[in-house]
């Protein structure tokens, strides 16, 4: 994408540069040692973990709800019910055990910092996590670590009540990947991309206890599903967000699905509002977030996690085109070339949804409450789009 825009990659960090697209860990390590010129931009904020690490996200969402309750904003506080019951282990193990004994059921364990489904498992008995708990407690970090033990802290886990009855399409479970772009946390300024996709399991869903260990039934991560024997390389197990929206409207009606997509947009914003005051704002930074959401059988939306380094690999041509267009639009918003006037609310498929306050939609522009899942207008001239998206590059990448 950067090459198609005519940008040139520098050989090393000592050369003059304008823009850095780097892993989060590099930003965390290098940010405070840099002197940044006014025009230079980086793709992460220095404490992005506050929203994108599973344990910190849960902590900040719970804290936001308690703050709103103390302020008497009970209706807004009640809206922060979009994450499943969550505990951080081992710190909250006792509270988890107490809750587990009350409600039982199926629970899911996730490493706080892993992605692509790594380390995730479901369980129905406390004995199934006892080995993990014992191993964790036996380890003591730092100079008193046992001989032959690891030198770094063992990664903690979050444990959540598993959403056992998701909405199904064709008998299969799916979740959704949506994109948000933050260009400032103080004041908060958020853009939302109109497109996204649903990720499906290869196997038909089953809520039977004996099937909870089958990742092809329960985990939608592409890294897992592409290893299945019946993996569909043509679709990549994905459905484009607009197609999903149209299908849901045909099943549940326009008004109900419009409200559903508005709920998704509010979840994106409320998660960002929960961390706004703990984020270290910097005019040089922006952040592309990948939100993972799921809908249950009662058409309630739940937030699974937020990714500050959403996957930009593609497993189909359509996926490649969507992500390429999304990145071009993101760079149009960041506007390194200084082509914008500064008051635009709709830029290459990215819609401004919050600018120190909620952005109201002009009814003449859109008959729905959100542009999420809507079509993206084509560029005004064919000349504008030359070099922006080249599907043949997907074949070369494969």
Foldseek 3Di string as FASTA:
>chain_A
DCVLVVDDDDDDPVDDDAEDEDDLVCCLVCVVVDDDDPRHAYADFNPVLCAFFQVNLVVLLVVVLVVCVVVVVNVVSVLSPFAFDKDKPPVCVVVVVVVCVVPQAKKKKDFRDDDLPPPIAIDRDPVVCVVVNVVQVQADEDPPGDPPDDNDHDTIIMMGHDQLFFDDDPQWFKKWKWKKKWQWLVVTWIKTFQKTKIFTQPDGEDSDPVCRGPCSRPPRRLSVRVPDPRQDLACSRMDMLLVVLVVVCVVPNDVLSLVLVVSVVVVVVSSSVSCSVVTDTDNNYMFMKIWIWTAGPVSRIHTDGIHRCPDQADSHLVSVQVSLLVVVQVCVVVPSVVPDPPPDQATSRIGTQDDSHGDADDCVVDVGRDSHSPDGDDPPDPVVCPSSDDSVVNVVVD
